[in-house]
Protein backbone atom coordinates (compact mmCIF):
# COMPACT_ATOMS: atom_id res chain seq x y z
CA MET A 1 63.64 80.07 47.27
CA LYS A 2 62.93 76.60 48.63
CA SER A 3 61.64 75.97 52.09
CA HIS A 4 63.48 73.63 54.47
CA ASN A 5 60.17 72.15 55.61
CA SER A 6 59.89 70.09 52.48
CA PRO A 7 58.73 66.49 52.79
CA SER A 8 62.11 65.16 51.62
CA CYS A 9 63.95 66.78 54.58
CA LEU A 10 61.41 65.45 57.04
CA LEU A 11 61.59 62.02 55.47
CA LEU A 12 65.40 62.05 55.71
CA LEU A 13 65.24 63.11 59.36
CA PHE A 14 62.79 60.28 60.08
CA PHE A 15 65.04 57.63 58.50
CA VAL A 16 68.10 58.84 60.39
CA SER A 17 66.29 58.73 63.72
CA VAL A 18 64.87 55.26 63.01
CA SER A 19 68.34 53.96 62.09
CA LEU A 20 69.77 55.23 65.42
CA LEU A 21 67.16 53.54 67.62
CA PRO A 22 68.97 50.15 67.80
CA CYS A 23 72.16 51.94 68.91
CA LEU A 24 70.32 53.66 71.74
CA ALA A 25 68.75 50.40 72.87
CA ILE A 26 72.12 48.62 72.97
CA SER A 27 73.84 51.43 74.87
CA ARG A 28 71.13 51.44 77.54
CA GLN A 29 71.48 47.70 78.23
CA ASP A 30 74.81 47.97 80.02
CA THR A 31 75.91 51.49 80.88
CA TYR A 32 79.05 50.36 82.74
CA ARG A 33 80.50 48.36 79.87
CA GLN A 34 83.41 50.39 78.53
CA TYR A 35 85.35 47.98 76.36
CA ALA A 36 84.31 45.33 73.88
CA ASP A 37 86.39 42.66 75.65
CA MET A 38 84.57 43.16 78.96
CA PRO A 39 81.77 40.65 79.55
CA THR A 40 78.24 41.93 79.97
CA ALA A 41 76.04 40.88 82.88
CA GLN A 42 74.35 38.33 80.64
CA GLU A 43 77.67 36.83 79.59
CA GLU A 44 78.78 36.66 83.24
CA GLY A 45 75.72 34.54 84.08
CA GLU A 46 76.36 32.21 81.14
CA ARG A 47 79.84 31.18 82.29
CA GLU A 48 80.09 27.53 83.15
CA SER A 49 80.92 26.49 86.68
CA GLY A 50 84.05 24.52 87.49
CA ARG A 51 84.15 21.19 89.28
CA ASP A 52 83.87 22.67 92.76
CA GLY A 53 81.34 25.36 91.90
CA THR A 54 83.88 28.09 91.19
CA HIS A 55 83.83 30.15 88.03
CA TYR A 56 86.74 30.27 85.66
CA GLY A 57 86.77 33.19 83.26
CA SER A 58 87.95 32.82 79.66
CA GLY A 59 88.02 29.02 79.84
CA PHE A 60 90.87 28.69 82.36
CA GLY A 61 90.47 25.57 84.43
CA PRO A 62 91.80 24.82 87.90
CA GLN A 63 95.04 23.26 86.55
CA GLU A 64 95.82 26.01 84.03
CA VAL A 65 97.89 29.11 84.67
CA GLN A 66 95.85 32.25 85.29
CA PRO A 67 97.04 35.35 83.39
CA VAL A 68 98.61 38.18 85.39
CA ALA A 69 96.90 41.53 85.71
CA ARG A 70 97.00 43.60 82.54
CA CYS A 71 98.41 46.61 84.36
CA ARG A 72 101.34 44.62 85.83
CA HIS A 73 104.43 45.48 83.81
CA ASN A 74 108.04 45.38 85.01
CA TYR A 75 106.94 44.88 88.61
CA HIS A 76 109.08 42.27 90.32
CA LYS A 77 107.77 39.91 93.01
CA ARG A 78 110.53 41.04 95.41
CA THR A 79 109.36 44.63 95.06
CA GLU A 80 105.79 43.56 95.74
CA ALA A 81 106.87 41.60 98.83
CA ALA A 82 109.02 44.48 100.13
CA ILE A 83 106.14 46.94 99.78
CA ASN A 84 103.85 44.52 101.62
CA ARG A 85 106.40 44.30 104.47
CA GLN A 86 106.66 48.11 104.53
CA ILE A 87 102.86 48.40 104.71
CA ASN A 88 102.87 45.98 107.66
CA LEU A 89 105.64 47.97 109.33
CA PHE A 90 103.69 51.23 108.99
CA LEU A 91 100.59 49.55 110.43
CA HIS A 92 102.59 48.23 113.40
CA VAL A 93 104.14 51.64 114.11
CA GLY A 94 100.70 53.24 113.88
CA TYR A 95 99.46 50.64 116.34
CA VAL A 96 102.25 51.55 118.78
CA TYR A 97 101.54 55.29 118.45
CA SER A 98 97.84 54.64 119.00
CA SER A 99 98.72 52.75 122.20
CA MET A 100 100.82 55.72 123.32
CA ALA A 101 97.97 58.12 122.57
CA HIS A 102 95.53 56.06 124.62
CA HIS A 103 98.04 55.87 127.48
CA PHE A 104 98.34 59.65 127.66
CA GLY A 105 94.59 60.09 127.25
CA SER A 106 93.73 57.90 130.23
CA CYS A 107 92.42 59.53 133.41
CA ASP A 108 95.52 58.47 135.38
CA VAL A 109 98.01 60.26 133.11
CA SER A 110 95.84 62.90 131.41
CA LEU A 111 98.31 64.68 129.14
CA PRO A 112 96.13 65.87 126.24
CA GLY A 113 99.00 67.40 124.27
CA PHE A 114 100.89 64.11 124.19
CA GLU A 115 97.66 62.27 123.39
CA LYS A 116 96.99 64.57 120.41
CA PHE A 117 100.59 64.30 119.18
CA PHE A 118 100.73 60.51 119.29
CA GLN A 119 97.27 60.18 117.75
CA GLN A 120 98.41 62.40 114.87
CA MET A 121 101.50 60.21 114.46
CA ALA A 122 99.27 57.11 114.37
CA ASP A 123 97.06 58.72 111.72
CA ASP A 124 100.13 59.63 109.64
CA GLN A 125 101.26 56.00 109.69
CA GLN A 126 97.82 54.89 108.52
CA VAL A 127 98.02 57.36 105.63
CA ARG A 128 101.46 56.06 104.65
CA ALA A 129 100.21 52.47 104.68
CA GLY A 130 97.20 53.49 102.59
CA THR A 131 99.40 55.30 100.06
CA LEU A 132 101.58 52.24 99.61
CA SER A 133 98.50 50.03 99.31
CA LYS A 134 97.14 52.22 96.52
CA TYR A 135 100.50 52.15 94.76
CA GLN A 136 100.64 48.37 95.05
CA SER A 137 97.20 48.04 93.50
CA MET A 138 98.01 50.56 90.78
CA ARG A 139 101.08 48.57 89.69
CA GLY A 140 99.09 45.32 89.52
CA GLY A 141 100.42 43.83 92.75
CA VAL A 142 98.41 42.21 95.49
CA VAL A 143 98.22 43.86 98.91
CA THR A 144 98.81 41.08 101.41
CA MET A 145 97.63 42.02 104.87
CA MET A 146 99.78 40.34 107.49
CA PRO A 147 99.08 40.14 111.23
CA VAL A 148 100.07 43.34 113.03
CA SER A 149 102.03 42.64 116.17
CA ALA A 150 101.03 44.31 119.41
CA PRO A 151 103.26 46.83 121.19
CA ALA A 152 105.70 45.40 123.71
CA THR A 153 104.15 47.41 126.55
CA THR A 154 101.06 49.41 127.40
CA ASN A 155 102.71 51.55 130.07
CA TRP A 156 104.70 54.25 128.31
CA GLY A 157 105.83 56.09 131.45
CA THR A 158 106.37 59.83 131.39
CA GLY A 159 106.23 62.08 128.36
CA LEU A 160 110.03 62.16 128.10
CA GLU A 161 110.28 58.35 128.19
CA ALA A 162 107.56 58.01 125.55
CA MET A 163 109.30 60.55 123.29
CA GLN A 164 112.60 58.65 123.62
CA LYS A 165 110.82 55.40 122.72
CA ALA A 166 109.14 57.12 119.78
CA LEU A 167 112.52 58.42 118.56
CA ASP A 168 114.00 54.91 118.80
CA LEU A 169 110.98 53.57 116.91
CA GLU A 170 111.39 56.14 114.13
CA LYS A 171 115.13 55.35 113.89
CA SER A 172 114.41 51.65 113.51
CA VAL A 173 111.73 52.32 110.86
CA ASN A 174 114.19 54.53 108.97
CA GLN A 175 116.95 51.89 109.15
CA VAL A 176 114.60 49.17 107.87
CA SER A 177 113.32 51.42 105.07
CA VAL A 178 116.81 52.43 103.97
CA ALA A 179 117.96 48.80 104.05
CA ARG A 180 115.01 47.76 101.87
CA MET A 181 115.80 50.47 99.33
CA GLY A 182 119.28 49.04 98.87
CA TYR A 183 121.38 51.77 100.51
CA ARG A 184 124.35 50.83 102.62
CA LYS A 185 126.15 52.80 105.26
CA GLY A 186 128.79 55.02 103.64
CA GLU A 187 127.73 54.19 100.06
CA GLU A 188 125.47 56.07 97.69
CA LYS A 189 123.54 53.40 95.84
CA ARG A 190 124.23 49.79 95.10
CA GLY A 191 125.64 49.56 91.59
CA ALA A 192 126.36 53.30 91.33
CA VAL A 193 129.04 54.37 88.86
CA LYS A 194 132.23 55.43 90.63
């Protein structure tokens, strides 16, 4: 019966470990490099600068067309613009609800239930805007932040008046959203089979 501690097994183990050393050294150079087509940090530094000091990757100059994002597929510019408008609408509505919350939290009015409700509504609008922003980025679109307009007033009156204004605001948001999706009053969908 032969022993496994023979010199030939040890010699084989030595050669295998020596042959793997270059692979270990290369993998430790750039741990965040996942694909062969991604530039390493050294290659990033070697890129030539453009005329005005900007960098152009893959040899694209200032007059040449830049390629679109790799993840962008069947994503129309109108859809991207509509989602950006919807994001801006959600941010505006959140801004209005935040104004209402601060109105009811002031020492003059001091209605903590209304303050909590409107603050929760403002937070919900922020979450909706964030969800659409993530979707836009996931599809390869660009999230364009537009100026958010201020509320028309800072005095929201009584709780009943503020709730009526909030209902009107939600109705207008719903009408704008439905109109952007292509629905019309009394119809199912545009282009639906009858």
